[in-house]
C-alpha atoms as a PDB file:
ATOM      1  CA  VAL A   1      37.833   9.507 -22.313  1.00  0.00           C
ATOM      2  CA  GLN A   2      35.870   9.451 -18.949  1.00  0.00           C
ATOM      3  CA  LEU A   3      33.674   6.564 -18.075  1.00  0.00           C
ATOM      4  CA  GLN A   4      31.353   7.033 -15.436  1.00  0.00           C
ATOM      5  CA  ALA A   5      29.977   3.786 -13.821  1.00  0.00           C
ATOM      6  CA  SER A   6      27.118   3.746 -11.369  1.00  0.00           C
ATOM      7  CA  GLY A   7      24.076   1.831 -10.447  1.00  0.00           C
ATOM      8  CA  GLY A   8      26.223  -0.281  -7.343  1.00  0.00           C
ATOM      9  CA  GLY A   9      24.380  -0.493  -3.915  1.00  0.00           C
ATOM     10  CA  LEU A  10      23.532  -3.421  -1.534  1.00  0.00           C
ATOM     11  CA  VAL A  11      20.903  -5.728  -1.897  1.00  0.00           C
ATOM     12  CA  GLN A  12      20.193  -9.193  -0.643  1.00  0.00           C
ATOM     13  CA  THR A  13      20.708 -12.351  -2.215  1.00  0.00           C
ATOM     14  CA  GLY A  14      18.426 -13.195  -4.999  1.00  0.00           C
ATOM     15  CA  GLU A  15      17.873  -9.604  -6.252  1.00  0.00           C
ATOM     16  CA  SER A  16      19.050  -7.852  -8.868  1.00  0.00           C
ATOM     17  CA  LEU A  17      20.753  -4.728 -10.130  1.00  0.00           C
ATOM     18  CA  ARG A  18      22.111  -2.970 -13.361  1.00  0.00           C
ATOM     19  CA  LEU A  19      25.213  -1.138 -13.929  1.00  0.00           C
ATOM     20  CA  SER A  20      26.023   1.799 -15.963  1.00  0.00           C
ATOM     21  CA  CYS A  21      28.846   2.951 -17.963  1.00  0.00           C
ATOM     22  CA  ALA A  22      28.600   6.613 -19.275  1.00  0.00           C
ATOM     23  CA  ALA A  23      31.124   7.554 -21.541  1.00  0.00           C
ATOM     24  CA  SER A  24      32.471  11.138 -21.934  1.00  0.00           C
ATOM     25  CA  VAL A  25      32.926  10.052 -26.179  1.00  0.00           C
ATOM     26  CA  SER A  26      31.265   8.378 -28.581  1.00  0.00           C
ATOM     27  CA  ILE A  27      31.527   4.415 -27.893  1.00  0.00           C
ATOM     28  CA  PHE A  28      31.338   3.869 -31.310  1.00  0.00           C
ATOM     29  CA  GLY A  29      35.400   4.827 -31.270  1.00  0.00           C
ATOM     30  CA  PHE A  30      35.966   1.824 -28.722  1.00  0.00           C
ATOM     31  CA  ASN A  31      36.649  -1.715 -30.375  1.00  0.00           C
ATOM     32  CA  ALA A  32      35.545  -3.131 -27.147  1.00  0.00           C
ATOM     33  CA  MET A  33      33.800  -2.602 -24.024  1.00  0.00           C
ATOM     34  CA  GLY A  34      33.425  -4.814 -20.641  1.00  0.00           C
ATOM     35  CA  TRP A  35      33.202  -4.904 -17.070  1.00  0.00           C
ATOM     36  CA  TYR A  36      35.752  -6.160 -14.451  1.00  0.00           C
ATOM     37  CA  ARG A  37      35.377  -6.939 -10.963  1.00  0.00           C
ATOM     38  CA  ARG A  38      37.589  -6.960  -7.911  1.00  0.00           C
ATOM     39  CA  ALA A  39      36.174  -8.464  -4.323  1.00  0.00           C
ATOM     40  CA  PRO A  40      38.241  -8.109  -1.305  1.00  0.00           C
ATOM     41  CA  GLY A  41      41.361  -9.541  -0.748  1.00  0.00           C
ATOM     42  CA  LYS A  42      41.080 -11.224  -4.749  1.00  0.00           C
ATOM     43  CA  GLN A  43      42.621  -9.932  -8.025  1.00  0.00           C
ATOM     44  CA  ARG A  44      40.379  -8.542 -10.761  1.00  0.00           C
ATOM     45  CA  GLU A  45      38.577 -10.887 -13.015  1.00  0.00           C
ATOM     46  CA  PHE A  46      36.358 -10.486 -16.299  1.00  0.00           C
ATOM     47  CA  VAL A  47      32.968  -9.858 -15.875  1.00  0.00           C
ATOM     48  CA  ALA A  48      31.321  -9.472 -19.349  1.00  0.00           C
ATOM     49  CA  GLY A  49      32.311  -7.646 -22.756  1.00  0.00           C
ATOM     50  CA  ILE A  50      30.838  -6.362 -25.473  1.00  0.00           C
ATOM     51  CA  THR A  51      32.220  -5.199 -28.965  1.00  0.00           C
ATOM     52  CA  SER A  52      31.669  -2.491 -31.667  1.00  0.00           C
ATOM     53  CA  SER A  53      29.559  -4.968 -33.340  1.00  0.00           C
ATOM     54  CA  GLY A  54      27.656  -6.124 -30.394  1.00  0.00           C
ATOM     55  CA  SER A  55      28.909  -9.361 -29.751  1.00  0.00           C
ATOM     56  CA  THR A  56      29.133 -10.591 -26.309  1.00  0.00           C
ATOM     57  CA  ASN A  57      31.229 -12.830 -24.325  1.00  0.00           C
ATOM     58  CA  TYR A  58      31.240 -13.709 -20.666  1.00  0.00           C
ATOM     59  CA  PRO A  59      33.476 -16.359 -18.238  1.00  0.00           C
ATOM     60  CA  ASP A  60      31.406 -19.296 -17.701  1.00  0.00           C
ATOM     61  CA  SER A  61      30.710 -18.285 -14.104  1.00  0.00           C
ATOM     62  CA  MET A  62      28.981 -15.062 -15.847  1.00  0.00           C
ATOM     63  CA  LYS A  63      27.030 -17.014 -17.886  1.00  0.00           C
ATOM     64  CA  GLY A  64      23.031 -16.893 -17.445  1.00  0.00           C
ATOM     65  CA  ARG A  65      23.347 -14.368 -14.485  1.00  0.00           C
ATOM     66  CA  PHE A  66      25.022 -11.502 -16.082  1.00  0.00           C
ATOM     67  CA  THR A  67      23.851  -9.441 -19.553  1.00  0.00           C
ATOM     68  CA  ILE A  68      26.028  -6.980 -21.086  1.00  0.00           C
ATOM     69  CA  SER A  69      24.670  -4.595 -23.525  1.00  0.00           C
ATOM     70  CA  ARG A  70      25.129  -0.994 -25.057  1.00  0.00           C
ATOM     71  CA  ASP A  71      23.168   1.882 -26.005  1.00  0.00           C
ATOM     72  CA  ASN A  72      24.815   4.040 -28.866  1.00  0.00           C
ATOM     73  CA  ALA A  73      23.160   6.662 -28.878  1.00  0.00           C
ATOM     74  CA  LYS A  74      22.672   7.293 -24.707  1.00  0.00           C
ATOM     75  CA  ASN A  75      27.320   6.371 -25.321  1.00  0.00           C
ATOM     76  CA  THR A  76      26.297   3.791 -22.239  1.00  0.00           C
ATOM     77  CA  VAL A  77      27.224   0.063 -21.734  1.00  0.00           C
ATOM     78  CA  TYR A  78      25.001  -1.769 -18.783  1.00  0.00           C
ATOM     79  CA  LEU A  79      25.700  -4.920 -16.750  1.00  0.00           C
ATOM     80  CA  GLN A  80      22.385  -6.233 -15.746  1.00  0.00           C
ATOM     81  CA  MET A  81      22.966  -8.831 -12.708  1.00  0.00           C
ATOM     82  CA  ASN A  82      20.157 -11.052 -11.706  1.00  0.00           C
ATOM     83  CA  ASN A  83      19.945 -13.845  -9.035  1.00  0.00           C
ATOM     84  CA  LEU A  84      22.974 -12.303  -7.129  1.00  0.00           C
ATOM     85  CA  LYS A  85      24.837 -14.071  -4.603  1.00  0.00           C
ATOM     86  CA  PRO A  86      27.275 -12.828  -2.088  1.00  0.00           C
ATOM     87  CA  GLU A  87      30.221 -13.615  -4.057  1.00  0.00           C
ATOM     88  CA  ASP A  88      29.520 -11.330  -6.244  1.00  0.00           C
ATOM     89  CA  THR A  89      30.164  -8.381  -3.943  1.00  0.00           C
ATOM     90  CA  ALA A  90      32.747  -6.557  -5.597  1.00  0.00           C
ATOM     91  CA  VAL A  91      34.180  -3.270  -7.064  1.00  0.00           C
ATOM     92  CA  TYR A  92      32.706  -3.113 -10.384  1.00  0.00           C
ATOM     93  CA  TYR A  93      34.775  -1.679 -13.397  1.00  0.00           C
ATOM     94  CA  CYS A  94      34.258  -0.392 -16.541  1.00  0.00           C
ATOM     95  CA  ASN A  95      36.358  -0.576 -19.403  1.00  0.00           C
ATOM     96  CA  ALA A  96      37.072   0.682 -22.723  1.00  0.00           C
ATOM     97  CA  MET A  97      39.442  -0.252 -24.861  1.00  0.00           C
ATOM     98  CA  LYS A  98      40.883   0.837 -28.826  1.00  0.00           C
ATOM     99  CA  LEU A  99      43.347  -0.735 -31.062  1.00  0.00           C
ATOM    100  CA  VAL A 100      44.146   2.675 -33.403  1.00  0.00           C
ATOM    101  CA  PRO A 101      45.220   4.490 -31.245  1.00  0.00           C
ATOM    102  CA  PRO A 102      45.628   2.153 -28.563  1.00  0.00           C
ATOM    103  CA  GLY A 103      44.018   3.322 -25.853  1.00  0.00           C
ATOM    104  CA  ASN A 104      42.574   1.279 -22.393  1.00  0.00           C
ATOM    105  CA  TYR A 105      40.260   3.265 -20.300  1.00  0.00           C
ATOM    106  CA  TRP A 106      38.994   2.631 -16.767  1.00  0.00           C
ATOM    107  CA  GLY A 107      35.976   4.159 -14.725  1.00  0.00           C
ATOM    108  CA  GLN A 108      36.320   4.499 -10.891  1.00  0.00           C
ATOM    109  CA  GLY A 109      34.355   1.636  -9.780  1.00  0.00           C
ATOM    110  CA  THR A 110      31.325   1.307  -8.233  1.00  0.00           C
ATOM    111  CA  LEU A 111      30.801  -0.668  -4.503  1.00  0.00           C
ATOM    112  CA  VAL A 112      28.102  -4.113  -5.255  1.00  0.00           C
ATOM    113  CA  THR A 113      27.352  -5.360  -2.042  1.00  0.00           C
ATOM    114  CA  VAL A 114      25.126  -8.422  -1.712  1.00  0.00           C
ATOM    115  CA  SER A 115      23.894  -9.782   1.924  1.00  0.00           C
ATOM    116  CA  SER A 116      22.964 -13.586   2.741  1.00  0.00           C
END
């Protein structure tokens, strides 16, 4: 299983970006997919998740600005990020998880830099 994250870049405060995570296999096989991020000097944190049935969840700090979605036909999960802030600067990682058989997969990360 390979996850290819893309879409990162340098933006200014208040702008938007859409990240993509393309899987090398059908995403139907994953119980959940999600995005995490690691800011410089900080621990990795959960950003957004989506289950195979399409249910989504976000930490309270991400609600309202970030939206996760999936396109099953393209085997791709997206993260729409609006009204970006400098504190959103981080490397964003895509994750996919399955229960049977158990598996946890990570993409290579894509850098998002938000300038003030």
